[in-house]
N, C-alpha and C. Protein backbone atom coordinates (compact mmCIF):
# COMPACT_ATOMS: atom_id res chain seq x y z
N MET A 1 -7.15 -8.00 26.82
CA MET A 1 -7.71 -6.65 27.09
C MET A 1 -8.77 -6.76 26.12
N TYR A 2 -9.01 -7.50 24.91
CA TYR A 2 -10.01 -7.53 24.14
C TYR A 2 -11.00 -8.36 24.63
N HIS A 3 -12.28 -8.82 24.99
CA HIS A 3 -12.97 -10.00 24.75
C HIS A 3 -13.94 -9.87 24.05
N ASP A 4 -13.79 -10.02 22.60
CA ASP A 4 -14.36 -9.91 21.62
C ASP A 4 -14.04 -10.97 20.40
N LYS A 5 -14.60 -10.75 19.12
CA LYS A 5 -14.03 -11.65 18.33
C LYS A 5 -13.01 -11.22 17.41
N ARG A 6 -12.55 -10.01 17.94
CA ARG A 6 -11.72 -9.69 16.76
C ARG A 6 -10.19 -10.33 16.40
N SER A 7 -9.90 -10.15 15.26
CA SER A 7 -8.74 -11.26 15.25
C SER A 7 -7.26 -10.89 15.57
N MET A 8 -7.19 -9.62 15.96
CA MET A 8 -6.11 -8.93 16.31
C MET A 8 -4.97 -8.84 15.15
N LYS A 9 -5.24 -8.78 13.77
CA LYS A 9 -4.70 -9.50 12.58
C LYS A 9 -4.63 -7.94 11.55
N ILE A 10 -3.95 -7.47 11.14
CA ILE A 10 -4.07 -6.28 9.91
C ILE A 10 -3.23 -6.39 8.88
N VAL A 11 -3.57 -6.03 7.46
CA VAL A 11 -2.83 -5.56 6.85
C VAL A 11 -3.31 -4.08 6.05
N ALA A 12 -1.84 -3.56 6.15
CA ALA A 12 -2.35 -2.13 5.32
C ALA A 12 -2.59 -2.25 3.85
N VAL A 13 -3.04 -1.75 3.29
CA VAL A 13 -3.63 -1.70 1.56
C VAL A 13 -3.77 -0.40 1.54
N ILE A 14 -3.24 -0.17 0.13
CA ILE A 14 -3.59 1.19 -0.86
C ILE A 14 -5.00 0.83 -0.91
N ASN A 15 -5.48 2.48 -1.17
CA ASN A 15 -6.87 2.77 -1.45
C ASN A 15 -7.16 2.07 -2.55
N CYS A 16 -6.26 1.70 -3.48
CA CYS A 16 -7.20 1.07 -5.03
C CYS A 16 -7.41 -0.11 -4.97
N VAL A 17 -6.53 -0.83 -4.16
CA VAL A 17 -6.98 -2.12 -4.14
C VAL A 17 -8.16 -2.37 -3.58
N LEU A 18 -8.85 -1.39 -2.66
CA LEU A 18 -10.24 -1.82 -2.23
C LEU A 18 -11.40 -0.65 -3.01
N ASN A 19 -10.48 0.04 -3.51
CA ASN A 19 -11.80 1.32 -4.35
C ASN A 19 -10.97 1.47 -5.62
N GLN A 20 -11.27 0.97 -6.86
CA GLN A 20 -10.42 0.66 -8.00
C GLN A 20 -10.98 2.51 -8.67
N ASN A 21 -12.15 3.07 -8.17
CA ASN A 21 -12.34 4.08 -8.32
C ASN A 21 -11.61 5.26 -8.15
N ALA A 22 -10.39 5.14 -7.48
CA ALA A 22 -9.64 5.89 -6.85
C ALA A 22 -8.80 6.43 -7.80
N ARG A 23 -8.49 5.15 -9.01
CA ARG A 23 -7.02 5.22 -10.08
C ARG A 23 -7.35 6.32 -10.87
N ALA A 24 -6.24 7.03 -11.38
CA ALA A 24 -6.25 7.33 -12.33
C ALA A 24 -7.13 7.02 -13.69
N PRO A 25 -7.57 8.06 -13.98
CA PRO A 25 -8.68 7.79 -15.06
C PRO A 25 -7.59 6.49 -16.56
N GLY A 26 -8.54 5.69 -16.68
CA GLY A 26 -7.72 4.37 -17.59
C GLY A 26 -7.33 3.53 -16.89
N ALA A 27 -6.57 3.66 -15.70
CA ALA A 27 -5.92 2.68 -14.93
C ALA A 27 -6.52 1.48 -14.19
N ALA A 28 -8.04 1.43 -13.98
CA ALA A 28 -8.68 0.73 -13.44
C ALA A 28 -8.76 -0.81 -13.89
N VAL A 29 -8.45 -1.74 -13.21
CA VAL A 29 -8.38 -3.03 -13.94
C VAL A 29 -9.56 -3.90 -13.29
N PHE A 30 -10.34 -3.20 -12.17
CA PHE A 30 -11.62 -4.31 -11.50
C PHE A 30 -12.46 -2.94 -11.52
N PRO A 31 -13.45 -3.43 -11.61
CA PRO A 31 -14.97 -2.32 -11.73
C PRO A 31 -15.21 -1.63 -10.35
N GLY A 32 -14.79 -2.73 -9.01
CA GLY A 32 -14.93 -1.79 -7.73
C GLY A 32 -13.44 -1.67 -7.06
N MET A 33 -13.29 -3.18 -6.46
CA MET A 33 -12.25 -3.72 -5.96
C MET A 33 -11.98 -5.04 -6.34
N ASN A 34 -10.32 -4.79 -5.84
CA ASN A 34 -9.67 -5.95 -6.30
C ASN A 34 -9.96 -7.38 -5.66
N ALA A 35 -11.15 -8.10 -6.02
CA ALA A 35 -11.39 -9.20 -5.35
C ALA A 35 -10.58 -10.59 -4.94
N LYS A 36 -9.48 -10.61 -5.88
CA LYS A 36 -8.28 -11.61 -5.30
C LYS A 36 -7.81 -11.26 -3.83
N VAL A 37 -7.66 -10.13 -3.96
CA VAL A 37 -7.03 -9.83 -2.83
C VAL A 37 -7.87 -9.80 -1.55
N ILE A 38 -8.96 -9.24 -1.71
CA ILE A 38 -10.09 -8.95 -0.95
C ILE A 38 -10.31 -10.47 -0.50
N GLU A 39 -10.37 -11.96 -1.35
CA GLU A 39 -10.73 -13.02 -0.84
C GLU A 39 -9.60 -13.40 0.16
N VAL A 40 -8.39 -13.17 0.17
CA VAL A 40 -7.48 -13.81 0.67
C VAL A 40 -7.75 -13.14 1.81
N LEU A 41 -8.16 -11.55 1.91
CA LEU A 41 -7.96 -10.84 3.55
C LEU A 41 -9.20 -11.93 4.55
N ARG A 42 -10.10 -11.78 3.61
CA ARG A 42 -11.40 -12.37 4.33
C ARG A 42 -11.47 -13.81 4.59
N LYS A 43 -10.88 -14.67 3.90
CA LYS A 43 -10.57 -15.93 4.40
C LYS A 43 -9.61 -16.07 5.86
N HIS A 44 -8.55 -15.34 6.20
CA HIS A 44 -7.98 -14.97 6.89
C HIS A 44 -8.52 -14.38 8.23
N ASP A 45 -9.58 -13.97 8.49
CA ASP A 45 -10.09 -13.04 9.07
C ASP A 45 -9.25 -11.90 9.05
N VAL A 46 -8.29 -11.06 8.51
CA VAL A 46 -7.61 -10.01 8.68
C VAL A 46 -8.57 -8.83 8.59
N GLY A 47 -8.14 -7.90 9.37
CA GLY A 47 -8.61 -6.38 9.17
C GLY A 47 -7.66 -5.46 8.09
N VAL A 48 -8.40 -4.65 7.90
CA VAL A 48 -7.94 -4.03 6.69
C VAL A 48 -7.26 -2.46 6.96
N LEU A 49 -6.17 -1.90 7.00
CA LEU A 49 -5.86 -0.55 7.21
C LEU A 49 -5.99 0.13 6.00
N GLN A 50 -7.16 0.83 5.62
CA GLN A 50 -7.02 1.43 4.33
C GLN A 50 -5.85 2.74 4.11
N MET A 51 -4.71 2.51 3.35
CA MET A 51 -4.11 3.77 3.14
C MET A 51 -4.73 4.73 2.12
N PRO A 52 -4.26 6.36 2.45
CA PRO A 52 -5.02 6.83 1.27
C PRO A 52 -4.24 7.12 0.08
N CYS A 53 -4.90 7.21 -0.82
CA CYS A 53 -4.35 7.62 -2.38
C CYS A 53 -3.39 8.66 -2.52
N PRO A 54 -2.14 8.53 -2.36
CA PRO A 54 -1.59 9.73 -2.34
C PRO A 54 -1.50 10.80 -3.90
N GLU A 55 -1.79 9.76 -4.76
CA GLU A 55 -2.28 10.49 -6.35
C GLU A 55 -3.17 11.20 -6.06
N MET A 56 -4.58 11.02 -5.61
CA MET A 56 -5.81 11.65 -5.24
C MET A 56 -5.80 12.78 -4.34
N THR A 57 -4.89 12.06 -3.05
CA THR A 57 -4.97 13.37 -1.92
C THR A 57 -4.09 14.38 -2.53
N CYS A 58 -2.86 14.43 -3.01
CA CYS A 58 -2.38 15.25 -3.42
C CYS A 58 -2.49 16.28 -4.78
N LEU A 59 -2.86 15.31 -6.01
CA LEU A 59 -3.77 15.98 -7.15
C LEU A 59 -4.77 15.96 -7.45
N GLY A 60 -5.66 15.52 -6.85
CA GLY A 60 -6.88 15.52 -7.15
C GLY A 60 -7.05 13.94 -7.81
N LEU A 61 -8.91 13.41 -8.08
CA LEU A 61 -9.48 12.34 -8.71
C LEU A 61 -8.40 12.55 -10.33
N LEU A 62 -8.74 13.69 -10.61
CA LEU A 62 -8.20 13.56 -12.31
C LEU A 62 -6.77 13.88 -12.49
N ARG A 63 -5.85 13.79 -11.45
CA ARG A 63 -4.22 14.12 -11.13
C ARG A 63 -3.76 15.44 -11.63
N THR A 64 -4.77 16.36 -11.82
CA THR A 64 -4.49 17.94 -12.58
C THR A 64 -2.83 17.89 -12.17
N ARG A 65 -2.50 18.25 -12.99
CA ARG A 65 -1.09 19.01 -13.37
C ARG A 65 -0.23 19.67 -14.48
N PRO A 66 0.33 20.19 -14.29
CA PRO A 66 0.87 21.24 -15.74
C PRO A 66 1.14 20.31 -17.05
N GLU A 67 0.98 20.66 -18.38
CA GLU A 67 0.85 19.55 -19.35
C GLU A 67 2.15 19.54 -19.80
N GLY A 68 2.39 18.23 -20.00
CA GLY A 68 3.85 17.58 -20.33
C GLY A 68 4.40 17.18 -19.03
N THR A 69 3.73 17.23 -17.76
CA THR A 69 4.57 16.68 -16.55
C THR A 69 3.89 15.04 -16.11
N SER A 70 4.45 14.26 -15.84
CA SER A 70 3.91 13.02 -15.42
C SER A 70 3.42 13.21 -13.76
N ILE A 71 2.43 12.47 -13.21
CA ILE A 71 2.32 12.26 -12.06
C ILE A 71 3.41 12.04 -11.28
N ARG A 72 4.30 11.01 -11.59
CA ARG A 72 5.42 10.82 -10.72
C ARG A 72 6.68 12.20 -10.66
N ASP A 73 6.50 13.14 -11.80
CA ASP A 73 7.03 13.99 -11.71
C ASP A 73 6.62 15.12 -10.79
N VAL A 74 5.33 15.20 -10.56
CA VAL A 74 4.60 16.03 -9.45
C VAL A 74 4.89 15.88 -8.31
N LEU A 75 4.75 14.25 -8.28
CA LEU A 75 4.82 13.68 -6.60
C LEU A 75 6.00 14.02 -6.17
N ASP A 76 7.27 13.83 -7.29
CA ASP A 76 8.61 13.69 -7.00
C ASP A 76 9.16 15.33 -6.56
N THR A 77 8.64 16.27 -6.24
CA THR A 77 9.05 17.45 -5.90
C THR A 77 8.79 17.80 -4.44
N PRO A 78 9.57 18.96 -3.97
CA PRO A 78 9.32 18.87 -2.63
C PRO A 78 8.21 19.05 -2.12
N GLU A 79 7.30 19.64 -3.09
CA GLU A 79 5.62 19.95 -2.38
C GLU A 79 4.73 18.38 -2.51
N GLY A 80 5.49 17.46 -3.39
CA GLY A 80 4.36 16.32 -3.53
C GLY A 80 5.08 15.29 -2.41
N ARG A 81 6.73 15.42 -2.52
CA ARG A 81 6.99 14.75 -1.22
C ARG A 81 6.25 14.73 0.20
N GLU A 82 6.51 16.38 0.35
CA GLU A 82 5.80 16.71 1.40
C GLU A 82 4.56 16.03 2.08
N CYS A 83 3.56 16.01 0.86
CA CYS A 83 2.12 15.55 0.82
C CYS A 83 2.01 14.05 1.05
N CYS A 84 2.81 13.60 0.32
CA CYS A 84 3.27 11.79 0.79
C CYS A 84 3.68 11.94 1.84
N ARG A 85 4.73 12.23 2.45
CA ARG A 85 5.40 12.41 3.68
C ARG A 85 4.31 12.43 5.07
N LYS A 86 3.41 13.29 4.92
CA LYS A 86 2.48 13.79 5.68
C LYS A 86 1.24 12.15 5.91
N LEU A 87 1.06 12.02 4.44
CA LEU A 87 0.03 10.73 4.49
C LEU A 87 0.89 9.71 5.17
N SER A 88 2.09 9.51 4.83
CA SER A 88 3.00 8.09 5.67
C SER A 88 2.65 8.23 6.95
N ILE A 89 3.13 9.60 7.44
CA ILE A 89 3.64 9.89 9.24
C ILE A 89 1.61 9.58 9.58
N SER A 90 0.64 9.69 8.72
CA SER A 90 -0.56 9.42 9.15
C SER A 90 -0.78 7.68 9.62
N VAL A 91 -0.27 7.31 8.40
CA VAL A 91 -0.34 5.68 8.20
C VAL A 91 0.26 5.29 9.49
N VAL A 92 1.60 5.50 9.83
CA VAL A 92 2.57 4.95 10.44
C VAL A 92 1.96 5.28 12.04
N ASP A 93 1.58 6.40 12.07
CA ASP A 93 0.70 6.70 13.64
C ASP A 93 -0.30 5.48 13.90
N GLN A 94 -0.90 5.00 12.60
CA GLN A 94 -1.89 3.99 13.12
C GLN A 94 -1.22 2.68 13.12
N ILE A 95 -0.28 2.45 12.48
CA ILE A 95 0.18 1.13 12.60
C ILE A 95 0.85 0.82 13.84
N GLU A 96 1.88 2.16 14.30
CA GLU A 96 2.19 2.11 15.69
C GLU A 96 1.04 1.99 17.17
N GLU A 97 0.20 2.34 16.82
CA GLU A 97 -0.81 2.08 17.61
C GLU A 97 -1.35 1.17 17.90
N PHE A 98 -1.58 0.33 16.56
CA PHE A 98 -2.25 -1.03 16.79
C PHE A 98 -0.64 -2.19 17.39
N LEU A 99 0.17 -1.64 17.02
CA LEU A 99 1.25 -2.69 17.62
C LEU A 99 1.62 -2.53 18.78
N LYS A 100 1.18 -1.14 19.31
CA LYS A 100 1.33 -1.01 20.82
C LYS A 100 0.42 -1.78 21.86
N ASN A 101 -0.98 -2.03 20.61
CA ASN A 101 -1.95 -2.76 21.37
C ASN A 101 -1.65 -4.07 21.31
N ASN A 102 -1.11 -4.95 20.81
CA ASN A 102 -0.86 -6.16 20.53
C ASN A 102 -1.40 -6.26 19.60
N PHE A 103 -1.66 -5.71 18.20
CA PHE A 103 -2.13 -6.38 17.22
C PHE A 103 -0.70 -6.88 16.08
N LYS A 104 -0.92 -7.63 15.48
CA LYS A 104 0.06 -8.08 14.56
C LYS A 104 -0.37 -7.05 13.12
N VAL A 105 0.33 -6.56 12.66
CA VAL A 105 0.53 -5.90 11.04
C VAL A 105 1.42 -6.45 10.35
N LEU A 106 0.86 -7.79 9.42
CA LEU A 106 1.19 -8.23 8.92
C LEU A 106 1.98 -8.15 7.67
N ALA A 107 1.58 -6.81 6.51
CA ALA A 107 2.02 -6.75 5.60
C ALA A 107 1.78 -5.30 5.12
N ILE A 108 2.28 -4.73 4.29
CA ILE A 108 2.20 -3.19 3.42
C ILE A 108 1.85 -3.79 2.23
N LEU A 109 0.52 -3.64 1.64
CA LEU A 109 0.19 -3.76 0.41
C LEU A 109 0.18 -2.47 -0.48
N GLY A 110 1.54 -2.27 -1.53
CA GLY A 110 1.45 -1.38 -2.16
C GLY A 110 0.91 -1.86 -3.74
N GLY A 111 1.31 -0.96 -4.47
CA GLY A 111 0.69 -0.98 -5.87
C GLY A 111 1.49 -2.02 -6.84
N ASP A 112 1.02 -1.54 -8.18
CA ASP A 112 1.62 -1.94 -9.21
C ASP A 112 2.80 -1.40 -9.75
N VAL A 113 3.92 -1.91 -10.83
CA VAL A 113 4.97 -1.51 -10.78
C VAL A 113 5.46 -0.31 -11.43
N ASN A 114 4.56 -0.04 -12.07
CA ASN A 114 4.70 1.32 -12.75
C ASN A 114 3.89 2.62 -11.88
N SER A 115 3.10 2.36 -10.44
CA SER A 115 2.55 3.46 -10.00
C SER A 115 3.36 4.70 -9.46
N PRO A 116 3.09 5.78 -9.86
CA PRO A 116 3.93 6.74 -9.35
C PRO A 116 4.20 7.04 -7.85
N GLY A 117 3.00 6.42 -7.32
CA GLY A 117 2.58 6.83 -6.13
C GLY A 117 2.71 5.77 -5.27
N CYS A 118 2.42 4.99 -5.56
CA CYS A 118 2.43 3.53 -4.90
C CYS A 118 3.05 2.12 -5.18
N ALA A 119 3.98 2.14 -6.30
CA ALA A 119 4.79 1.04 -6.67
C ALA A 119 5.74 0.93 -5.68
N VAL A 120 6.07 -0.63 -5.48
CA VAL A 120 6.79 -1.57 -4.48
C VAL A 120 7.76 -1.96 -5.43
N HIS A 121 9.03 -2.07 -5.48
CA HIS A 121 10.15 -2.43 -5.98
C HIS A 121 11.18 -3.14 -4.50
N LEU A 122 10.84 -4.54 -4.72
CA LEU A 122 11.34 -4.97 -3.39
C LEU A 122 13.05 -5.15 -3.72
N SER A 123 13.98 -4.94 -2.73
CA SER A 123 15.60 -5.64 -2.68
C SER A 123 15.05 -7.19 -2.98
N LYS A 124 16.13 -7.45 -3.69
CA LYS A 124 16.29 -9.35 -3.84
C LYS A 124 16.16 -9.89 -2.68
N GLU A 125 16.91 -9.42 -1.72
CA GLU A 125 17.48 -10.11 -0.48
C GLU A 125 16.30 -10.11 0.47
N ASN A 126 15.52 -9.39 0.68
CA ASN A 126 14.18 -9.31 1.35
C ASN A 126 13.26 -7.71 1.60
N ASN A 127 12.32 -8.49 1.84
CA ASN A 127 10.92 -7.66 1.50
C ASN A 127 10.56 -6.68 2.47
N TYR A 128 11.64 -6.43 3.16
CA TYR A 128 11.72 -5.11 3.73
C TYR A 128 12.16 -3.85 3.33
N GLU A 129 12.63 -4.33 2.43
CA GLU A 129 13.39 -3.16 2.09
C GLU A 129 12.99 -2.69 0.48
N LEU A 130 12.98 -1.35 0.12
CA LEU A 130 12.63 -0.96 -1.29
C LEU A 130 13.48 -0.62 -2.10
N GLU A 131 13.45 -0.72 -3.05
CA GLU A 131 14.73 -0.54 -4.32
C GLU A 131 14.31 0.79 -5.16
N GLU A 132 15.11 1.48 -5.95
CA GLU A 132 14.77 2.37 -6.64
C GLU A 132 13.65 2.27 -7.78
N GLY A 133 13.22 3.14 -7.81
CA GLY A 133 11.78 2.86 -8.66
C GLY A 133 10.21 2.64 -8.35
N SER A 134 10.37 2.56 -6.70
CA SER A 134 9.10 2.60 -6.17
C SER A 134 8.31 3.68 -5.85
N GLY A 135 7.37 3.78 -5.60
CA GLY A 135 6.42 5.20 -5.89
C GLY A 135 6.74 6.05 -4.74
N VAL A 136 6.55 7.22 -4.80
CA VAL A 136 6.94 7.97 -3.91
C VAL A 136 6.54 7.83 -2.40
N PHE A 137 5.45 7.98 -2.44
CA PHE A 137 4.36 7.60 -1.24
C PHE A 137 5.05 6.15 -0.67
N MET A 138 5.22 5.29 -1.41
CA MET A 138 5.86 3.87 -0.76
C MET A 138 7.54 4.51 -0.19
N GLU A 139 7.89 5.12 -0.81
CA GLU A 139 9.46 5.45 -0.29
C GLU A 139 9.04 6.39 0.66
N GLU A 140 8.34 7.41 1.23
CA GLU A 140 8.20 8.18 2.17
C GLU A 140 7.46 7.15 3.40
N LEU A 141 6.69 5.99 3.06
CA LEU A 141 6.40 5.25 4.10
C LEU A 141 7.61 4.54 4.63
N HIS A 142 8.03 3.94 3.72
CA HIS A 142 9.23 3.17 4.25
C HIS A 142 10.28 3.99 4.94
N ARG A 143 10.42 5.17 4.46
CA ARG A 143 11.41 5.82 5.29
C ARG A 143 10.83 6.12 6.62
N GLU A 144 9.30 6.75 6.96
CA GLU A 144 8.75 6.68 8.14
C GLU A 144 8.96 5.53 9.03
N ILE A 145 8.61 4.01 8.35
CA ILE A 145 8.58 3.14 9.18
C ILE A 145 10.25 2.87 9.70
N SER A 146 10.94 3.00 8.74
CA SER A 146 12.33 2.55 9.37
C SER A 146 12.74 3.41 9.98
N LYS A 147 12.30 4.83 10.00
CA LYS A 147 12.98 5.56 11.59
C LYS A 147 12.00 5.22 12.65
N ARG A 148 11.11 4.69 12.66
CA ARG A 148 10.67 4.18 13.81
C ARG A 148 10.65 2.69 14.23
N ASN A 149 11.98 2.14 13.71
CA ASN A 149 12.21 0.65 13.76
C ASN A 149 11.09 -0.32 13.69
N ILE A 150 10.28 -0.40 12.84
CA ILE A 150 9.32 -0.95 12.91
C ILE A 150 9.68 -1.83 11.58
N LYS A 151 9.16 -3.13 11.33
CA LYS A 151 9.68 -3.97 10.61
C LYS A 151 8.23 -4.58 10.37
N ILE A 152 8.06 -4.53 8.78
CA ILE A 152 6.89 -5.34 7.89
C ILE A 152 7.06 -5.20 6.71
N PRO A 153 6.79 -6.36 6.35
CA PRO A 153 7.19 -6.46 4.88
C PRO A 153 6.21 -5.99 3.78
N PHE A 154 6.74 -5.55 2.51
CA PHE A 154 6.05 -4.57 1.69
C PHE A 154 6.04 -5.64 0.26
N ARG A 155 4.71 -5.47 -0.11
CA ARG A 155 4.17 -5.97 -1.49
C ARG A 155 3.85 -5.42 -2.45
N GLY A 156 4.15 -5.49 -3.49
CA GLY A 156 3.24 -4.94 -4.50
C GLY A 156 2.11 -5.47 -4.92
N ILE A 157 1.20 -5.08 -5.29
CA ILE A 157 -0.13 -6.09 -5.78
C ILE A 157 0.16 -5.71 -7.63
N ARG A 158 0.26 -6.34 -8.30
CA ARG A 158 0.64 -5.98 -9.56
C ARG A 158 -0.27 -6.96 -10.65
N ASP A 159 -1.35 -5.78 -10.34
CA ASP A 159 -2.96 -6.48 -11.02
C ASP A 159 -2.95 -6.16 -12.41
N SER A 160 -1.56 -5.33 -13.05
CA SER A 160 -1.79 -5.23 -14.15
C SER A 160 -1.02 -6.25 -15.58
N ASP A 161 -0.76 -7.72 -14.89
CA ASP A 161 -0.67 -8.58 -15.24
C ASP A 161 -1.19 -10.24 -14.07
N PRO A 162 -1.98 -10.71 -14.94
CA PRO A 162 -2.94 -11.50 -14.06
C PRO A 162 -1.94 -12.70 -13.78
N GLU A 163 -1.05 -13.07 -14.45
CA GLU A 163 0.27 -13.97 -13.69
C GLU A 163 0.48 -13.15 -12.33
N LYS A 164 1.46 -12.12 -12.70
CA LYS A 164 2.05 -11.38 -11.66
C LYS A 164 1.16 -11.26 -10.21
N LEU A 165 -0.44 -10.80 -10.64
CA LEU A 165 -0.94 -10.67 -9.46
C LEU A 165 -1.48 -12.15 -8.99
N MET A 166 -1.53 -13.13 -9.57
CA MET A 166 -1.45 -14.51 -8.98
C MET A 166 -0.27 -14.88 -7.97
N GLU A 167 1.10 -14.70 -8.60
CA GLU A 167 1.99 -14.27 -7.64
C GLU A 167 2.10 -13.70 -5.97
N ASP A 168 1.22 -12.65 -6.37
CA ASP A 168 1.25 -11.49 -5.14
C ASP A 168 0.25 -12.11 -4.50
N VAL A 169 -0.75 -12.83 -4.81
CA VAL A 169 -2.07 -13.29 -3.99
C VAL A 169 -1.64 -14.57 -3.21
N ASN A 170 -1.01 -15.62 -3.79
CA ASN A 170 -0.14 -16.47 -3.51
C ASN A 170 0.49 -16.27 -2.17
N TRP A 171 1.61 -14.96 -2.66
CA TRP A 171 2.30 -14.74 -1.19
C TRP A 171 1.55 -14.28 -0.19
N LEU A 172 0.80 -13.51 -0.47
CA LEU A 172 -0.16 -12.82 0.70
C LEU A 172 -0.58 -14.23 1.45
N ASN A 173 -1.22 -15.05 0.69
CA ASN A 173 -2.25 -16.15 1.39
C ASN A 173 -1.07 -16.97 2.14
N ARG A 174 0.19 -17.53 1.61
CA ARG A 174 0.90 -18.21 2.58
C ARG A 174 1.33 -17.38 3.76
N LEU A 175 1.92 -16.12 3.96
CA LEU A 175 2.17 -14.94 4.72
C LEU A 175 0.59 -15.13 5.87
N LEU A 176 -0.38 -15.05 5.21
CA LEU A 176 -1.64 -15.11 6.35
C LEU A 176 -1.92 -16.31 6.95
N SER A 177 -1.53 -17.40 6.24
CA SER A 177 -1.62 -18.92 6.40
C SER A 177 -0.46 -19.15 7.82
N GLU A 178 0.47 -18.24 7.61
CA GLU A 178 1.51 -18.70 8.74
C GLU A 178 1.58 -17.93 10.11
N SER A 179 0.32 -16.82 9.82
CA SER A 179 0.23 -16.01 11.04
C SER A 179 -0.34 -16.58 12.29
């Protein structure tokens, strides 16, 4: 169908891995993008589906919210969940379109363990199931993917801890090497 150089391989990546400027004030770990993750994606010629930042989309860049409430508190309301649900539907629509056209969507890269929107806490049994404590957007994304019977492994990019970040980068490198 495609007679060009595309790899037909894609990884869905949260916004802040590709653009640290989208992070909440005080949360950026890199000046622009997470170069360690980007290097692995480039090495394996993988395309990127950049997912929207749910915190920025739902609350604005400064994460405006009532005093005394956390970002998680606001995202984990009916309105916040609806915002995250709409974002997840849009992302899964794109994933489904790629899959229908014979692309491989190899992974969904979420956020650090404490991210209110994008944390990924995986089941010990497999990396297709999320556990309690995952971010609101990741929960909604997982729910939408499951509804459509799509199987894609999730992984958090734990960039607040250099050792954990290297574990995640090595996992990604192994996954993409096998694809």
